[in-house]
Amino acid sequence: MILSLIIVLILWNYFLGRVGNSLVEDVNEYTSVSTRVTTFLITIITFFHHPLGIGFSVYPYYFEKYSEIAMNGAKVIIGHFFGVSSLNFSEIFSYNFTDKNMGAKSGFMQWLLYGGIGALIYFYKSATYIKKNY
């Protein structure tokens, strides 16, 4: 039992060393993590302000309205987990000039924006049905 635990800890440290360094490099170099965390936070903020959803056409307005708050939140979250002090928000900033490819970067989060509590209930009932019947 103790030998198994030691082996797991050694493998875990090896894994974190290899993957952890790669993740930190990705966070420093590319926009994917910062963009996804920021759009996730924009969705959460928008949902709490508009629990019934915002429909299909006004996301760019709320994206701009809440992006600064969300970017500050992303800095705190990513900084805490990855120890990174500066993030690449160039993709978020590019949405100031165009709404092409602007979205929550997650199907569930996008529908939460559109439908609010109704979408949440729909996904909950769908998951419950699937779990019960399959």
N, C-alpha and C. Protein backbone atom coordinates (compact mmCIF):
# COMPACT_ATOMS: atom_id res chain seq x y z
N MET A 1 0.83 -1.19 0.00
CA MET A 1 0.00 0.00 0.00
C MET A 1 0.87 1.26 0.00
N ILE A 2 1.83 1.30 0.87
CA ILE A 2 2.70 2.47 0.96
C ILE A 2 3.55 2.58 -0.31
N LEU A 3 4.00 1.44 -0.81
CA LEU A 3 4.79 1.45 -2.05
C LEU A 3 3.95 1.99 -3.21
N SER A 4 2.70 1.60 -3.27
CA SER A 4 1.80 2.10 -4.31
C SER A 4 1.64 3.61 -4.21
N LEU A 5 1.47 4.10 -3.00
CA LEU A 5 1.32 5.54 -2.77
C LEU A 5 2.57 6.29 -3.21
N ILE A 6 3.73 5.75 -2.89
CA ILE A 6 5.00 6.38 -3.28
C ILE A 6 5.12 6.43 -4.80
N ILE A 7 4.78 5.32 -5.46
CA ILE A 7 4.85 5.28 -6.93
C ILE A 7 3.89 6.30 -7.54
N VAL A 8 2.68 6.39 -7.01
CA VAL A 8 1.71 7.37 -7.50
C VAL A 8 2.23 8.78 -7.31
N LEU A 9 2.81 9.08 -6.16
CA LEU A 9 3.36 10.42 -5.91
C LEU A 9 4.51 10.75 -6.85
N ILE A 10 5.36 9.79 -7.11
CA ILE A 10 6.48 10.02 -8.04
C ILE A 10 5.95 10.29 -9.44
N LEU A 11 5.01 9.47 -9.89
CA LEU A 11 4.43 9.68 -11.21
C LEU A 11 3.69 11.01 -11.30
N TRP A 12 2.96 11.36 -10.24
CA TRP A 12 2.23 12.61 -10.20
C TRP A 12 3.18 13.80 -10.33
N ASN A 13 4.28 13.78 -9.58
CA ASN A 13 5.27 14.87 -9.66
C ASN A 13 5.89 14.94 -11.04
N TYR A 14 6.19 13.78 -11.63
CA TYR A 14 6.74 13.75 -12.98
C TYR A 14 5.74 14.33 -13.97
N PHE A 15 4.50 13.91 -13.85
CA PHE A 15 3.44 14.39 -14.74
C PHE A 15 3.27 15.90 -14.60
N LEU A 16 3.17 16.40 -13.37
CA LEU A 16 3.00 17.84 -13.15
C LEU A 16 4.19 18.63 -13.67
N GLY A 17 5.37 18.08 -13.50
CA GLY A 17 6.56 18.76 -13.99
C GLY A 17 6.54 18.91 -15.50
N ARG A 18 6.17 17.85 -16.20
CA ARG A 18 6.15 17.88 -17.67
C ARG A 18 4.95 18.67 -18.20
N VAL A 19 3.77 18.32 -17.74
CA VAL A 19 2.55 18.97 -18.23
C VAL A 19 2.42 20.37 -17.65
N GLY A 20 2.75 20.54 -16.38
CA GLY A 20 2.64 21.85 -15.74
C GLY A 20 3.48 22.90 -16.44
N ASN A 21 4.72 22.55 -16.78
CA ASN A 21 5.58 23.49 -17.50
C ASN A 21 5.01 23.82 -18.87
N SER A 22 4.46 22.83 -19.52
CA SER A 22 3.85 23.04 -20.84
C SER A 22 2.64 23.96 -20.73
N LEU A 23 1.81 23.75 -19.71
CA LEU A 23 0.64 24.61 -19.51
C LEU A 23 1.03 26.04 -19.21
N VAL A 24 2.04 26.22 -18.36
CA VAL A 24 2.50 27.58 -18.04
C VAL A 24 3.03 28.26 -19.30
N GLU A 25 3.76 27.51 -20.12
CA GLU A 25 4.26 28.06 -21.37
C GLU A 25 3.11 28.46 -22.30
N ASP A 26 2.09 27.60 -22.39
CA ASP A 26 0.91 27.92 -23.20
C ASP A 26 0.19 29.16 -22.69
N VAL A 27 0.06 29.28 -21.39
CA VAL A 27 -0.61 30.44 -20.80
C VAL A 27 0.18 31.71 -21.12
N ASN A 28 1.50 31.64 -21.05
CA ASN A 28 2.35 32.80 -21.33
C ASN A 28 2.36 33.18 -22.80
N GLU A 29 2.39 32.20 -23.67
CA GLU A 29 2.61 32.44 -25.09
C GLU A 29 1.34 32.68 -25.90
N TYR A 30 0.26 31.96 -25.57
CA TYR A 30 -0.91 31.94 -26.43
C TYR A 30 -2.13 32.55 -25.74
N THR A 31 -3.20 32.72 -26.51
CA THR A 31 -4.39 33.39 -25.98
C THR A 31 -5.48 32.45 -25.51
N SER A 32 -5.37 31.16 -25.78
CA SER A 32 -6.48 30.23 -25.56
C SER A 32 -6.98 30.22 -24.11
N VAL A 33 -6.08 30.05 -23.17
CA VAL A 33 -6.51 29.95 -21.76
C VAL A 33 -7.10 31.26 -21.28
N SER A 34 -6.43 32.36 -21.55
CA SER A 34 -6.94 33.65 -21.08
C SER A 34 -8.27 34.00 -21.75
N THR A 35 -8.42 33.67 -23.03
CA THR A 35 -9.68 33.94 -23.73
C THR A 35 -10.81 33.11 -23.15
N ARG A 36 -10.57 31.83 -22.94
CA ARG A 36 -11.63 30.95 -22.43
C ARG A 36 -12.04 31.30 -21.01
N VAL A 37 -11.07 31.58 -20.16
CA VAL A 37 -11.42 31.97 -18.78
C VAL A 37 -12.17 33.29 -18.79
N THR A 38 -11.73 34.24 -19.59
CA THR A 38 -12.40 35.54 -19.65
C THR A 38 -13.83 35.42 -20.16
N THR A 39 -14.03 34.66 -21.25
CA THR A 39 -15.40 34.52 -21.78
C THR A 39 -16.29 33.73 -20.82
N PHE A 40 -15.70 32.77 -20.10
CA PHE A 40 -16.46 32.05 -19.07
C PHE A 40 -16.94 33.03 -18.00
N LEU A 41 -16.04 33.90 -17.55
CA LEU A 41 -16.41 34.87 -16.51
C LEU A 41 -17.42 35.89 -17.03
N ILE A 42 -17.28 36.32 -18.28
CA ILE A 42 -18.27 37.23 -18.86
C ILE A 42 -19.64 36.57 -18.84
N THR A 43 -19.69 35.29 -19.18
CA THR A 43 -20.96 34.55 -19.17
C THR A 43 -21.56 34.50 -17.77
N ILE A 44 -20.75 34.18 -16.79
CA ILE A 44 -21.24 34.10 -15.40
C ILE A 44 -21.76 35.46 -14.93
N ILE A 45 -21.00 36.51 -15.19
CA ILE A 45 -21.42 37.85 -14.79
C ILE A 45 -22.73 38.22 -15.48
N THR A 46 -22.81 37.98 -16.79
CA THR A 46 -24.02 38.30 -17.53
C THR A 46 -25.21 37.49 -17.02
N PHE A 47 -25.00 36.23 -16.73
CA PHE A 47 -26.07 35.37 -16.21
C PHE A 47 -26.61 35.91 -14.88
N PHE A 48 -25.72 36.35 -14.00
CA PHE A 48 -26.20 36.87 -12.71
C PHE A 48 -26.93 38.20 -12.86
N HIS A 49 -26.57 38.99 -13.85
CA HIS A 49 -27.29 40.24 -14.09
C HIS A 49 -28.57 40.05 -14.89
N HIS A 50 -28.61 38.99 -15.71
CA HIS A 50 -29.77 38.72 -16.57
C HIS A 50 -30.11 37.23 -16.52
N PRO A 51 -30.69 36.77 -15.42
CA PRO A 51 -30.92 35.33 -15.24
C PRO A 51 -31.89 34.71 -16.24
N LEU A 52 -32.67 35.51 -16.94
CA LEU A 52 -33.58 34.97 -17.94
C LEU A 52 -32.92 34.87 -19.31
N GLY A 53 -31.68 35.28 -19.41
CA GLY A 53 -30.94 35.23 -20.66
C GLY A 53 -30.97 36.56 -21.38
N ILE A 54 -30.13 36.67 -22.41
CA ILE A 54 -30.04 37.93 -23.15
C ILE A 54 -30.47 37.78 -24.60
N GLY A 55 -30.89 36.60 -25.01
CA GLY A 55 -31.30 36.41 -26.40
C GLY A 55 -30.10 36.26 -27.31
N PHE A 56 -30.33 36.42 -28.61
CA PHE A 56 -29.31 36.10 -29.59
C PHE A 56 -28.53 37.28 -30.14
N SER A 57 -28.93 38.50 -29.88
CA SER A 57 -28.30 39.60 -30.62
C SER A 57 -27.49 40.58 -29.78
N VAL A 58 -27.54 40.53 -28.48
CA VAL A 58 -26.90 41.59 -27.69
C VAL A 58 -25.61 41.15 -26.99
N TYR A 59 -25.11 39.96 -27.29
CA TYR A 59 -23.88 39.50 -26.63
C TYR A 59 -22.72 40.47 -26.82
N PRO A 60 -22.49 41.05 -28.02
CA PRO A 60 -21.37 41.99 -28.15
C PRO A 60 -21.44 43.16 -27.16
N TYR A 61 -22.64 43.64 -26.87
CA TYR A 61 -22.79 44.73 -25.90
C TYR A 61 -22.33 44.28 -24.52
N TYR A 62 -22.82 43.13 -24.07
CA TYR A 62 -22.45 42.65 -22.73
C TYR A 62 -21.00 42.18 -22.68
N PHE A 63 -20.50 41.69 -23.80
CA PHE A 63 -19.09 41.31 -23.87
C PHE A 63 -18.22 42.52 -23.56
N GLU A 64 -18.51 43.62 -24.23
CA GLU A 64 -17.73 44.84 -24.00
C GLU A 64 -17.94 45.38 -22.59
N LYS A 65 -19.19 45.33 -22.12
CA LYS A 65 -19.53 45.88 -20.82
C LYS A 65 -18.80 45.16 -19.68
N TYR A 66 -18.69 43.84 -19.76
CA TYR A 66 -18.13 43.06 -18.65
C TYR A 66 -16.72 42.55 -18.91
N SER A 67 -16.12 42.87 -20.05
CA SER A 67 -14.81 42.29 -20.37
C SER A 67 -13.70 42.76 -19.42
N GLU A 68 -13.72 44.00 -19.01
CA GLU A 68 -12.67 44.49 -18.10
C GLU A 68 -12.73 43.77 -16.74
N ILE A 69 -13.92 43.64 -16.20
CA ILE A 69 -14.09 42.92 -14.93
C ILE A 69 -13.64 41.47 -15.09
N ALA A 70 -14.04 40.85 -16.19
CA ALA A 70 -13.70 39.45 -16.43
C ALA A 70 -12.19 39.26 -16.64
N MET A 71 -11.54 40.19 -17.33
CA MET A 71 -10.09 40.07 -17.52
C MET A 71 -9.36 40.19 -16.19
N ASN A 72 -9.82 41.09 -15.33
CA ASN A 72 -9.21 41.19 -14.00
C ASN A 72 -9.41 39.90 -13.21
N GLY A 73 -10.60 39.31 -13.31
CA GLY A 73 -10.86 38.04 -12.66
C GLY A 73 -9.99 36.93 -13.23
N ALA A 74 -9.82 36.92 -14.55
CA ALA A 74 -8.97 35.90 -15.19
C ALA A 74 -7.52 36.04 -14.72
N LYS A 75 -7.04 37.27 -14.57
CA LYS A 75 -5.68 37.47 -14.06
C LYS A 75 -5.51 36.85 -12.68
N VAL A 76 -6.52 37.04 -11.83
CA VAL A 76 -6.46 36.49 -10.47
C VAL A 76 -6.51 34.96 -10.52
N ILE A 77 -7.45 34.41 -11.26
CA ILE A 77 -7.62 32.95 -11.31
C ILE A 77 -6.40 32.28 -11.94
N ILE A 78 -6.01 32.73 -13.11
CA ILE A 78 -4.88 32.10 -13.80
C ILE A 78 -3.59 32.36 -13.05
N GLY A 79 -3.44 33.56 -12.50
CA GLY A 79 -2.26 33.85 -11.70
C GLY A 79 -2.13 32.94 -10.50
N HIS A 80 -3.26 32.64 -9.88
CA HIS A 80 -3.25 31.76 -8.70
C HIS A 80 -2.87 30.32 -9.08
N PHE A 81 -3.46 29.79 -10.14
CA PHE A 81 -3.23 28.40 -10.51
C PHE A 81 -1.93 28.16 -11.26
N PHE A 82 -1.48 29.13 -12.05
CA PHE A 82 -0.30 28.93 -12.88
C PHE A 82 0.88 29.80 -12.48
N GLY A 83 0.67 30.74 -11.57
CA GLY A 83 1.76 31.61 -11.15
C GLY A 83 2.21 32.55 -12.25
N VAL A 84 1.30 32.92 -13.14
CA VAL A 84 1.62 33.78 -14.27
C VAL A 84 1.13 35.19 -13.94
N SER A 85 2.00 36.17 -14.13
CA SER A 85 1.61 37.53 -13.77
C SER A 85 1.03 38.33 -14.94
N SER A 86 1.42 38.00 -16.16
CA SER A 86 0.86 38.72 -17.31
C SER A 86 0.24 37.73 -18.28
N LEU A 87 -0.90 38.10 -18.83
CA LEU A 87 -1.64 37.23 -19.74
C LEU A 87 -1.77 37.87 -21.10
N ASN A 88 -1.95 37.05 -22.09
CA ASN A 88 -2.12 37.52 -23.46
C ASN A 88 -3.62 37.65 -23.74
N PHE A 89 -4.14 38.87 -23.68
CA PHE A 89 -5.55 39.14 -23.94
C PHE A 89 -5.78 39.70 -25.34
N SER A 90 -4.85 39.47 -26.26
CA SER A 90 -4.97 40.08 -27.59
C SER A 90 -6.24 39.63 -28.31
N GLU A 91 -6.67 38.38 -28.10
CA GLU A 91 -7.90 37.92 -28.75
C GLU A 91 -9.11 38.66 -28.19
N ILE A 92 -9.14 38.87 -26.88
CA ILE A 92 -10.23 39.62 -26.25
C ILE A 92 -10.25 41.05 -26.78
N PHE A 93 -9.06 41.68 -26.86
CA PHE A 93 -8.99 43.05 -27.36
C PHE A 93 -9.41 43.14 -28.82
N SER A 94 -9.15 42.09 -29.60
CA SER A 94 -9.52 42.12 -31.02
C SER A 94 -11.03 42.20 -31.20
N TYR A 95 -11.79 41.76 -30.22
CA TYR A 95 -13.25 41.82 -30.33
C TYR A 95 -13.78 43.25 -30.18
N ASN A 96 -12.91 44.20 -29.83
CA ASN A 96 -13.32 45.60 -29.82
C ASN A 96 -13.54 46.12 -31.23
N PHE A 97 -12.93 45.44 -32.22
CA PHE A 97 -12.99 45.90 -33.59
C PHE A 97 -13.91 45.06 -34.47
N THR A 98 -14.21 43.84 -34.04
CA THR A 98 -15.09 42.97 -34.81
C THR A 98 -15.73 41.96 -33.86
N ASP A 99 -16.91 41.50 -34.24
CA ASP A 99 -17.53 40.46 -33.42
C ASP A 99 -17.38 39.08 -34.08
N LYS A 100 -16.54 38.98 -35.09
CA LYS A 100 -16.30 37.71 -35.76
C LYS A 100 -15.66 36.73 -34.76
N ASN A 101 -16.23 35.56 -34.66
CA ASN A 101 -15.78 34.50 -33.75
C ASN A 101 -15.98 34.83 -32.28
N MET A 102 -16.73 35.87 -31.98
CA MET A 102 -17.00 36.22 -30.59
C MET A 102 -18.03 35.24 -30.04
N GLY A 103 -17.74 34.68 -28.90
CA GLY A 103 -18.67 33.75 -28.28
C GLY A 103 -18.16 33.32 -26.92
N ALA A 104 -18.93 32.52 -26.25
CA ALA A 104 -18.57 32.07 -24.91
C ALA A 104 -17.54 30.94 -24.94
N LYS A 105 -17.19 30.43 -26.11
CA LYS A 105 -16.19 29.38 -26.30
C LYS A 105 -16.59 28.05 -25.67
N SER A 106 -17.87 27.90 -25.39
CA SER A 106 -18.42 26.66 -24.85
C SER A 106 -19.90 26.64 -25.20
N GLY A 107 -20.36 25.53 -25.75
CA GLY A 107 -21.76 25.44 -26.13
C GLY A 107 -22.71 25.65 -24.97
N PHE A 108 -22.40 25.01 -23.84
CA PHE A 108 -23.27 25.16 -22.68
C PHE A 108 -23.31 26.61 -22.21
N MET A 109 -22.14 27.24 -22.13
CA MET A 109 -22.09 28.63 -21.65
C MET A 109 -22.79 29.57 -22.63
N GLN A 110 -22.66 29.29 -23.93
CA GLN A 110 -23.34 30.13 -24.92
C GLN A 110 -24.86 30.05 -24.75
N TRP A 111 -25.37 28.83 -24.54
CA TRP A 111 -26.81 28.67 -24.34
C TRP A 111 -27.26 29.24 -23.01
N LEU A 112 -26.40 29.23 -22.02
CA LEU A 112 -26.72 29.88 -20.75
C LEU A 112 -26.90 31.38 -20.96
N LEU A 113 -26.05 31.96 -21.81
CA LEU A 113 -26.22 33.37 -22.17
C LEU A 113 -27.55 33.61 -22.87
N TYR A 114 -27.84 32.80 -23.87
CA TYR A 114 -29.05 32.99 -24.66
C TYR A 114 -30.32 32.77 -23.84
N GLY A 115 -30.38 31.65 -23.14
CA GLY A 115 -31.64 31.24 -22.51
C GLY A 115 -31.71 31.37 -21.01
N GLY A 116 -30.62 31.70 -20.35
CA GLY A 116 -30.62 31.89 -18.91
C GLY A 116 -31.08 30.66 -18.15
N ILE A 117 -31.96 30.88 -17.19
CA ILE A 117 -32.46 29.80 -16.34
C ILE A 117 -33.18 28.74 -17.18
N GLY A 118 -33.87 29.15 -18.22
CA GLY A 118 -34.55 28.19 -19.09
C GLY A 118 -33.57 27.20 -19.70
N ALA A 119 -32.44 27.68 -20.16
CA ALA A 119 -31.41 26.80 -20.72
C ALA A 119 -30.82 25.89 -19.64
N LEU A 120 -30.63 26.44 -18.46
CA LEU A 120 -30.11 25.65 -17.34
C LEU A 120 -31.06 24.51 -17.01
N ILE A 121 -32.35 24.79 -16.95
CA ILE A 121 -33.35 23.76 -16.68
C ILE A 121 -33.36 22.72 -17.80
N TYR A 122 -33.29 23.18 -19.05
CA TYR A 122 -33.28 22.26 -20.18
C TYR A 122 -32.09 21.30 -20.09
N PHE A 123 -30.89 21.82 -19.84
CA PHE A 123 -29.72 20.95 -19.76
C PHE A 123 -29.80 20.02 -18.56
N TYR A 124 -30.33 20.50 -17.45
CA TYR A 124 -30.48 19.65 -16.27
C TYR A 124 -31.45 18.50 -16.56
N LYS A 125 -32.59 18.83 -17.14
CA LYS A 125 -33.59 17.79 -17.46
C LYS A 125 -33.06 16.81 -18.50
N SER A 126 -32.33 17.30 -19.48
CA SER A 126 -31.74 16.42 -20.48
C SER A 126 -30.73 15.46 -19.85
N ALA A 127 -29.86 15.99 -18.99
CA ALA A 127 -28.87 15.14 -18.33
C ALA A 127 -29.54 14.11 -17.42
N THR A 128 -30.58 14.52 -16.72
CA THR A 128 -31.31 13.61 -15.84
C THR A 128 -31.97 12.51 -16.66
N TYR A 129 -32.58 12.86 -17.77
CA TYR A 129 -33.23 11.88 -18.64
C TYR A 129 -32.21 10.87 -19.20
N ILE A 130 -31.09 11.39 -19.67
CA ILE A 130 -30.05 10.52 -20.24
C ILE A 130 -29.50 9.59 -19.17
N LYS A 131 -29.23 10.13 -17.99
CA LYS A 131 -28.70 9.31 -16.90
C LYS A 131 -29.67 8.21 -16.52
N LYS A 132 -30.96 8.52 -16.49
CA LYS A 132 -31.97 7.56 -16.08
C LYS A 132 -32.22 6.49 -17.14
N ASN A 133 -32.17 6.87 -18.40
CA ASN A 133 -32.56 5.95 -19.47
C ASN A 133 -31.41 5.28 -20.23
N TYR A 134 -30.19 5.67 -19.99
CA TYR A 134 -29.11 5.06 -20.76
C TYR A 134 -28.00 4.54 -19.89
